[in-house]
Amino acid sequence: MRPPVLPYGYDWLDGKLVVDPKEYRVVQKILRLWQNGKSARLIADLLNQQNIPTRMGKQWFHSSVNAVIKRHQQTTAKT
């Protein structure tokens, strides 16, 4: 079953959730910074400073960083 929102870092292939390599590198960066104690707001600022857009080509906000972390945890818990 397909989730209502595709998690950042993933894509659909033949009805299955698969890793999107380009986006997943950003997910790994977010998770690494988070695990090193950086706040979601600081991570969003760093991504914006590095001109790394969201999937929709927009700026990052702390809420979008938190969503990536939460969705990643939910996705990896199911796999």
PDB file of N, CA and C in Angstrom:
ATOM      1  N   MET A   1       0.839  -1.181   0.000  1.00  0.00           N
ATOM      2  CA  MET A   1       0.000   0.000   0.000  1.00  0.00           C
ATOM      3  C   MET A   1       0.882   1.241   0.000  1.00  0.00           C
ATOM      4  N   ARG A   2       0.525   2.189  -0.798  1.00  0.00           N
ATOM      5  CA  ARG A   2       1.299   3.409  -0.969  1.00  0.00           C
ATOM      6  C   ARG A   2       0.930   4.440   0.106  1.00  0.00           C
ATOM      7  N   PRO A   3       1.934   5.025   0.812  1.00  0.00           N
ATOM      8  CA  PRO A   3       1.607   6.049   1.810  1.00  0.00           C
ATOM      9  C   PRO A   3       1.090   7.310   1.122  1.00  0.00           C
ATOM     10  N   PRO A   4       0.291   8.121   1.836  1.00  0.00           N
ATOM     11  CA  PRO A   4      -0.261   9.332   1.223  1.00  0.00           C
ATOM     12  C   PRO A   4       0.814  10.326   0.796  1.00  0.00           C
ATOM     13  N   VAL A   5       1.925  10.353   1.518  1.00  0.00           N
ATOM     14  CA  VAL A   5       3.030  11.245   1.174  1.00  0.00           C
ATOM     15  C   VAL A   5       4.282  10.394   1.013  1.00  0.00           C
ATOM     16  N   LEU A   6       4.922  10.518  -0.125  1.00  0.00           N
ATOM     17  CA  LEU A   6       6.140   9.759  -0.380  1.00  0.00           C
ATOM     18  C   LEU A   6       7.260  10.312   0.494  1.00  0.00           C
ATOM     19  N   PRO A   7       7.892   9.485   1.326  1.00  0.00           N
ATOM     20  CA  PRO A   7       8.961   9.983   2.187  1.00  0.00           C
ATOM     21  C   PRO A   7      10.129  10.531   1.372  1.00  0.00           C
ATOM     22  N   TYR A   8      10.682  11.650   1.823  1.00  0.00           N
ATOM     23  CA  TYR A   8      11.846  12.236   1.170  1.00  0.00           C
ATOM     24  C   TYR A   8      12.973  11.212   1.235  1.00  0.00           C
ATOM     25  N   GLY A   9      13.638  11.003   0.114  1.00  0.00           N
ATOM     26  CA  GLY A   9      14.713  10.020   0.050  1.00  0.00           C
ATOM     27  C   GLY A   9      14.285   8.706  -0.574  1.00  0.00           C
ATOM     28  N   TYR A  10      12.996   8.608  -0.901  1.00  0.00           N
ATOM     29  CA  TYR A  10      12.460   7.376  -1.466  1.00  0.00           C
ATOM     30  C   TYR A  10      11.652   7.680  -2.717  1.00  0.00           C
ATOM     31  N   ASP A  11      11.429   6.643  -3.519  1.00  0.00           N
ATOM     32  CA  ASP A  11      10.621   6.758  -4.727  1.00  0.00           C
ATOM     33  C   ASP A  11       9.886   5.435  -4.917  1.00  0.00           C
ATOM     34  N   TRP A  12       8.975   5.413  -5.880  1.00  0.00           N
ATOM     35  CA  TRP A  12       8.246   4.189  -6.201  1.00  0.00           C
ATOM     36  C   TRP A  12       8.827   3.551  -7.449  1.00  0.00           C
ATOM     37  N   LEU A  13       9.009   2.241  -7.411  1.00  0.00           N
ATOM     38  CA  LEU A  13       9.452   1.488  -8.573  1.00  0.00           C
ATOM     39  C   LEU A  13       8.710   0.157  -8.554  1.00  0.00           C
ATOM     40  N   ASP A  14       7.933  -0.076  -9.575  1.00  0.00           N
ATOM     41  CA  ASP A  14       7.154  -1.313  -9.677  1.00  0.00           C
ATOM     42  C   ASP A  14       6.309  -1.563  -8.424  1.00  0.00           C
ATOM     43  N   GLY A  15       5.706  -0.489  -7.895  1.00  0.00           N
ATOM     44  CA  GLY A  15       4.836  -0.615  -6.739  1.00  0.00           C
ATOM     45  C   GLY A  15       5.541  -0.793  -5.414  1.00  0.00           C
ATOM     46  N   LYS A  16       6.863  -0.636  -5.412  1.00  0.00           N
ATOM     47  CA  LYS A  16       7.631  -0.801  -4.175  1.00  0.00           C
ATOM     48  C   LYS A  16       8.363   0.491  -3.839  1.00  0.00           C
ATOM     49  N   LEU A  17       8.519   0.716  -2.554  1.00  0.00           N
ATOM     50  CA  LEU A  17       9.265   1.862  -2.062  1.00  0.00           C
ATOM     51  C   LEU A  17      10.753   1.559  -2.191  1.00  0.00           C
ATOM     52  N   VAL A  18      11.476   2.399  -2.937  1.00  0.00           N
ATOM     53  CA  VAL A  18      12.913   2.202  -3.133  1.00  0.00           C
ATOM     54  C   VAL A  18      13.647   3.499  -2.804  1.00  0.00           C
ATOM     55  N   VAL A  19      14.919   3.375  -2.509  1.00  0.00           N
ATOM     56  CA  VAL A  19      15.752   4.532  -2.175  1.00  0.00           C
ATOM     57  C   VAL A  19      16.028   5.356  -3.427  1.00  0.00           C
ATOM     58  N   ASP A  20      15.870   6.672  -3.298  1.00  0.00           N
ATOM     59  CA  ASP A  20      16.281   7.622  -4.338  1.00  0.00           C
ATOM     60  C   ASP A  20      17.680   8.078  -3.928  1.00  0.00           C
ATOM     61  N   PRO A  21      18.736   7.641  -4.638  1.00  0.00           N
ATOM     62  CA  PRO A  21      20.113   7.902  -4.195  1.00  0.00           C
ATOM     63  C   PRO A  21      20.434   9.379  -3.947  1.00  0.00           C
ATOM     64  N   LYS A  22      19.972  10.259  -4.817  1.00  0.00           N
ATOM     65  CA  LYS A  22      20.287  11.683  -4.663  1.00  0.00           C
ATOM     66  C   LYS A  22      19.647  12.248  -3.390  1.00  0.00           C
ATOM     67  N   GLU A  23      18.369  11.993  -3.215  1.00  0.00           N
ATOM     68  CA  GLU A  23      17.682  12.496  -2.026  1.00  0.00           C
ATOM     69  C   GLU A  23      18.159  11.784  -0.767  1.00  0.00           C
ATOM     70  N   TYR A  24      18.485  10.509  -0.877  1.00  0.00           N
ATOM     71  CA  TYR A  24      18.874   9.765   0.320  1.00  0.00           C
ATOM     72  C   TYR A  24      20.189  10.270   0.896  1.00  0.00           C
ATOM     73  N   ARG A  25      21.058  10.817   0.040  1.00  0.00           N
ATOM     74  CA  ARG A  25      22.292  11.429   0.557  1.00  0.00           C
ATOM     75  C   ARG A  25      21.949  12.601   1.478  1.00  0.00           C
ATOM     76  N   VAL A  26      20.909  13.340   1.123  1.00  0.00           N
ATOM     77  CA  VAL A  26      20.462  14.455   1.965  1.00  0.00           C
ATOM     78  C   VAL A  26      19.863  13.911   3.263  1.00  0.00           C
ATOM     79  N   VAL A  27      19.082  12.841   3.175  1.00  0.00           N
ATOM     80  CA  VAL A  27      18.522  12.212   4.371  1.00  0.00           C
ATOM     81  C   VAL A  27      19.653  11.793   5.300  1.00  0.00           C
ATOM     82  N   GLN A  28      20.688  11.170   4.755  1.00  0.00           N
ATOM     83  CA  GLN A  28      21.817  10.739   5.575  1.00  0.00           C
ATOM     84  C   GLN A  28      22.501  11.928   6.239  1.00  0.00           C
ATOM     85  N   LYS A  29      22.634  13.026   5.517  1.00  0.00           N
ATOM     86  CA  LYS A  29      23.231  14.237   6.077  1.00  0.00           C
ATOM     87  C   LYS A  29      22.377  14.754   7.233  1.00  0.00           C
ATOM     88  N   ILE A  30      21.060  14.803   7.020  1.00  0.00           N
ATOM     89  CA  ILE A  30      20.143  15.262   8.064  1.00  0.00           C
ATOM     90  C   ILE A  30      20.265  14.376   9.301  1.00  0.00           C
ATOM     91  N   LEU A  31      20.231  13.068   9.097  1.00  0.00           N
ATOM     92  CA  LEU A  31      20.302  12.136  10.228  1.00  0.00           C
ATOM     93  C   LEU A  31      21.635  12.228  10.957  1.00  0.00           C
ATOM     94  N   ARG A  32      22.720  12.373  10.216  1.00  0.00           N
ATOM     95  CA  ARG A  32      24.050  12.501  10.827  1.00  0.00           C
ATOM     96  C   ARG A  32      24.112  13.760  11.699  1.00  0.00           C
ATOM     97  N   LEU A  33      23.633  14.879  11.168  1.00  0.00           N
ATOM     98  CA  LEU A  33      23.636  16.130  11.931  1.00  0.00           C
ATOM     99  C   LEU A  33      22.743  16.013  13.166  1.00  0.00           C
ATOM    100  N   TRP A  34      21.570  15.393  12.999  1.00  0.00           N
ATOM    101  CA  TRP A  34      20.629  15.208  14.106  1.00  0.00           C
ATOM    102  C   TRP A  34      21.253  14.344  15.204  1.00  0.00           C
ATOM    103  N   GLN A  35      21.904  13.256  14.797  1.00  0.00           N
ATOM    104  CA  GLN A  35      22.534  12.356  15.765  1.00  0.00           C
ATOM    105  C   GLN A  35      23.709  13.018  16.479  1.00  0.00           C
ATOM    106  N   ASN A  36      24.291  14.033  15.844  1.00  0.00           N
ATOM    107  CA  ASN A  36      25.389  14.781  16.463  1.00  0.00           C
ATOM    108  C   ASN A  36      24.887  15.967  17.281  1.00  0.00           C
ATOM    109  N   GLY A  37      23.582  16.007  17.528  1.00  0.00           N
ATOM    110  CA  GLY A  37      23.022  16.995  18.430  1.00  0.00           C
ATOM    111  C   GLY A  37      22.601  18.320  17.821  1.00  0.00           C
ATOM    112  N   LYS A  38      22.603  18.413  16.501  1.00  0.00           N
ATOM    113  CA  LYS A  38      22.174  19.655  15.848  1.00  0.00           C
ATOM    114  C   LYS A  38      20.645  19.733  15.868  1.00  0.00           C
ATOM    115  N   SER A  39      20.131  20.936  16.037  1.00  0.00           N
ATOM    116  CA  SER A  39      18.677  21.128  16.054  1.00  0.00           C
ATOM    117  C   SER A  39      18.121  21.089  14.636  1.00  0.00           C
ATOM    118  N   ALA A  40      16.837  20.830  14.541  1.00  0.00           N
ATOM    119  CA  ALA A  40      16.183  20.816  13.227  1.00  0.00           C
ATOM    120  C   ALA A  40      16.287  22.184  12.564  1.00  0.00           C
ATOM    121  N   ARG A  41      16.199  23.239  13.347  1.00  0.00           N
ATOM    122  CA  ARG A  41      16.307  24.597  12.796  1.00  0.00           C
ATOM    123  C   ARG A  41      17.705  24.836  12.221  1.00  0.00           C
ATOM    124  N   LEU A  42      18.737  24.403  12.936  1.00  0.00           N
ATOM    125  CA  LEU A  42      20.108  24.569  12.442  1.00  0.00           C
ATOM    126  C   LEU A  42      20.334  23.729  11.186  1.00  0.00           C
ATOM    127  N   ILE A  43      19.819  22.511  11.175  1.00  0.00           N
ATOM    128  CA  ILE A  43      19.961  21.648   9.996  1.00  0.00           C
ATOM    129  C   ILE A  43      19.291  22.297   8.791  1.00  0.00           C
ATOM    130  N   ALA A  44      18.097  22.842   8.977  1.00  0.00           N
ATOM    131  CA  ALA A  44      17.400  23.529   7.880  1.00  0.00           C
ATOM    132  C   ALA A  44      18.236  24.696   7.378  1.00  0.00           C
ATOM    133  N   ASP A  45      18.790  25.472   8.294  1.00  0.00           N
ATOM    134  CA  ASP A  45      19.637  26.606   7.900  1.00  0.00           C
ATOM    135  C   ASP A  45      20.846  26.137   7.097  1.00  0.00           C
ATOM    136  N   LEU A  46      21.485  25.048   7.538  1.00  0.00           N
ATOM    137  CA  LEU A  46      22.659  24.522   6.833  1.00  0.00           C
ATOM    138  C   LEU A  46      22.297  24.046   5.425  1.00  0.00           C
ATOM    139  N   LEU A  47      21.188  23.340   5.292  1.00  0.00           N
ATOM    140  CA  LEU A  47      20.758  22.865   3.975  1.00  0.00           C
ATOM    141  C   LEU A  47      20.469  24.040   3.048  1.00  0.00           C
ATOM    142  N   ASN A  48      19.824  25.072   3.582  1.00  0.00           N
ATOM    143  CA  ASN A  48      19.522  26.255   2.776  1.00  0.00           C
ATOM    144  C   ASN A  48      20.800  26.990   2.376  1.00  0.00           C
ATOM    145  N   GLN A  49      21.762  27.087   3.293  1.00  0.00           N
ATOM    146  CA  GLN A  49      23.037  27.743   2.981  1.00  0.00           C
ATOM    147  C   GLN A  49      23.795  26.991   1.894  1.00  0.00           C
ATOM    148  N   GLN A  50      23.612  25.672   1.851  1.00  0.00           N
ATOM    149  CA  GLN A  50      24.288  24.843   0.854  1.00  0.00           C
ATOM    150  C   GLN A  50      23.456  24.704  -0.424  1.00  0.00           C
ATOM    151  N   ASN A  51      22.369  25.467  -0.506  1.00  0.00           N
ATOM    152  CA  ASN A  51      21.485  25.455  -1.682  1.00  0.00           C
ATOM    153  C   ASN A  51      20.959  24.064  -2.015  1.00  0.00           C
ATOM    154  N   ILE A  52      20.611  23.312  -0.986  1.00  0.00           N
ATOM    155  CA  ILE A  52      20.013  21.988  -1.169  1.00  0.00           C
ATOM    156  C   ILE A  52      18.504  22.163  -1.020  1.00  0.00           C
ATOM    157  N   PRO A  53      17.757  22.059  -2.114  1.00  0.00           N
ATOM    158  CA  PRO A  53      16.311  22.292  -2.036  1.00  0.00           C
ATOM    159  C   PRO A  53      15.554  21.060  -1.538  1.00  0.00           C
ATOM    160  N   THR A  54      14.329  21.290  -1.116  1.00  0.00           N
ATOM    161  CA  THR A  54      13.434  20.178  -0.816  1.00  0.00           C
ATOM    162  C   THR A  54      13.025  19.534  -2.141  1.00  0.00           C
ATOM    163  N   ARG A  55      12.279  18.465  -2.076  1.00  0.00           N
ATOM    164  CA  ARG A  55      11.810  17.795  -3.291  1.00  0.00           C
ATOM    165  C   ARG A  55      11.021  18.748  -4.188  1.00  0.00           C
ATOM    166  N   MET A  56      10.321  19.692  -3.584  1.00  0.00           N
ATOM    167  CA  MET A  56       9.516  20.647  -4.340  1.00  0.00           C
ATOM    168  C   MET A  56      10.314  21.881  -4.755  1.00  0.00           C
ATOM    169  N   GLY A  57      11.624  21.874  -4.510  1.00  0.00           N
ATOM    170  CA  GLY A  57      12.465  22.995  -4.908  1.00  0.00           C
ATOM    171  C   GLY A  57      12.373  24.195  -3.978  1.00  0.00           C
ATOM    172  N   LYS A  58      11.880  23.973  -2.780  1.00  0.00           N
ATOM    173  CA  LYS A  58      11.679  25.051  -1.807  1.00  0.00           C
ATOM    174  C   LYS A  58      12.783  25.049  -0.755  1.00  0.00           C
ATOM    175  N   GLN A  59      12.720  26.055   0.131  1.00  0.00           N
ATOM    176  CA  GLN A  59      13.646  26.118   1.259  1.00  0.00           C
ATOM    177  C   GLN A  59      13.236  25.112   2.324  1.00  0.00           C
ATOM    178  N   TRP A  60      14.218  24.726   3.126  1.00  0.00           N
ATOM    179  CA  TRP A  60      13.971  23.850   4.256  1.00  0.00           C
ATOM    180  C   TRP A  60      13.526  24.674   5.461  1.00  0.00           C
ATOM    181  N   PHE A  61      12.662  24.091   6.271  1.00  0.00           N
ATOM    182  CA  PHE A  61      12.245  24.653   7.551  1.00  0.00           C
ATOM    183  C   PHE A  61      12.424  23.564   8.599  1.00  0.00           C
ATOM    184  N   HIS A  62      12.462  23.952   9.871  1.00  0.00           N
ATOM    185  CA  HIS A  62      12.656  22.940  10.910  1.00  0.00           C
ATOM    186  C   HIS A  62      11.570  21.871  10.843  1.00  0.00           C
ATOM    187  N   SER A  63      10.363  22.257  10.468  1.00  0.00           N
ATOM    188  CA  SER A  63       9.274  21.280  10.385  1.00  0.00           C
ATOM    189  C   SER A  63       9.511  20.254   9.275  1.00  0.00           C
ATOM    190  N   SER A  64      10.095  20.692   8.156  1.00  0.00           N
ATOM    191  CA  SER A  64      10.368  19.740   7.072  1.00  0.00           C
ATOM    192  C   SER A  64      11.524  18.813   7.447  1.00  0.00           C
ATOM    193  N   VAL A  65      12.503  19.328   8.182  1.00  0.00           N
ATOM    194  CA  VAL A  65      13.599  18.474   8.666  1.00  0.00           C
ATOM    195  C   VAL A  65      13.040  17.442   9.643  1.00  0.00           C
ATOM    196  N   ASN A  66      12.203  17.884  10.578  1.00  0.00           N
ATOM    197  CA  ASN A  66      11.589  16.947  11.524  1.00  0.00           C
ATOM    198  C   ASN A  66      10.766  15.887  10.805  1.00  0.00           C
ATOM    199  N   ALA A  67      10.066  16.277   9.744  1.00  0.00           N
ATOM    200  CA  ALA A  67       9.263  15.320   8.977  1.00  0.00           C
ATOM    201  C   ALA A  67      10.152  14.268   8.320  1.00  0.00           C
ATOM    202  N   VAL A  68      11.294  14.675   7.782  1.00  0.00           N
ATOM    203  CA  VAL A  68      12.228  13.723   7.167  1.00  0.00           C
ATOM    204  C   VAL A  68      12.713  12.730   8.215  1.00  0.00           C
ATOM    205  N   ILE A  69      13.079  13.227   9.386  1.00  0.00           N
ATOM    206  CA  ILE A  69      13.573  12.346  10.453  1.00  0.00           C
ATOM    207  C   ILE A  69      12.481  11.365  10.873  1.00  0.00           C
ATOM    208  N   LYS A  70      11.284  11.875  11.103  1.00  0.00           N
ATOM    209  CA  LYS A  70      10.173  11.024  11.546  1.00  0.00           C
ATOM    210  C   LYS A  70       9.810   9.987  10.486  1.00  0.00           C
ATOM    211  N   ARG A  71       9.691  10.421   9.245  1.00  0.00           N
ATOM    212  CA  ARG A  71       9.321   9.480   8.175  1.00  0.00           C
ATOM    213  C   ARG A  71      10.407   8.437   7.953  1.00  0.00           C
ATOM    214  N   HIS A  72      11.655   8.850   8.076  1.00  0.00           N
ATOM    215  CA  HIS A  72      12.750   7.884   7.920  1.00  0.00           C
ATOM    216  C   HIS A  72      12.657   6.820   9.015  1.00  0.00           C
ATOM    217  N   GLN A  73      12.411   7.256  10.238  1.00  0.00           N
ATOM    218  CA  GLN A  73      12.303   6.304  11.341  1.00  0.00           C
ATOM    219  C   GLN A  73      11.127   5.355  11.129  1.00  0.00           C
ATOM    220  N   GLN A  74       9.999   5.885  10.653  1.00  0.00           N
ATOM    221  CA  GLN A  74       8.827   5.043  10.400  1.00  0.00           C
ATOM    222  C   GLN A  74       9.080   4.077   9.252  1.00  0.00           C
ATOM    223  N   THR A  75       9.734   4.559   8.199  1.00  0.00           N
ATOM    224  CA  THR A  75      10.001   3.729   7.023  1.00  0.00           C
ATOM    225  C   THR A  75      10.979   2.615   7.352  1.00  0.00           C
ATOM    226  N   THR A  76      12.047   2.938   8.075  1.00  0.00           N
ATOM    227  CA  THR A  76      13.040   1.912   8.390  1.00  0.00           C
ATOM    228  C   THR A  76      12.506   0.918   9.411  1.00  0.00           C
ATOM    229  N   ALA A  77      11.562   1.333  10.237  1.00  0.00           N
ATOM    230  CA  ALA A  77      10.966   0.416  11.206  1.00  0.00           C
ATOM    231  C   ALA A  77      10.111  -0.641  10.508  1.00  0.00           C
ATOM    232  N   LYS A  78       9.584  -0.301   9.325  1.00  0.00           N
ATOM    233  CA  LYS A  78       8.706  -1.222   8.585  1.00  0.00           C
ATOM    234  C   LYS A  78       9.462  -2.122   7.622  1.00  0.00           C
ATOM    235  N   THR A  79      10.743  -1.799   7.365  1.00  0.00           N
ATOM    236  CA  THR A  79      11.488  -2.603   6.391  1.00  0.00           C
ATOM    237  C   THR A  79      12.355  -3.625   7.068  1.00  0.00           C
TER     238      THR A  79
END
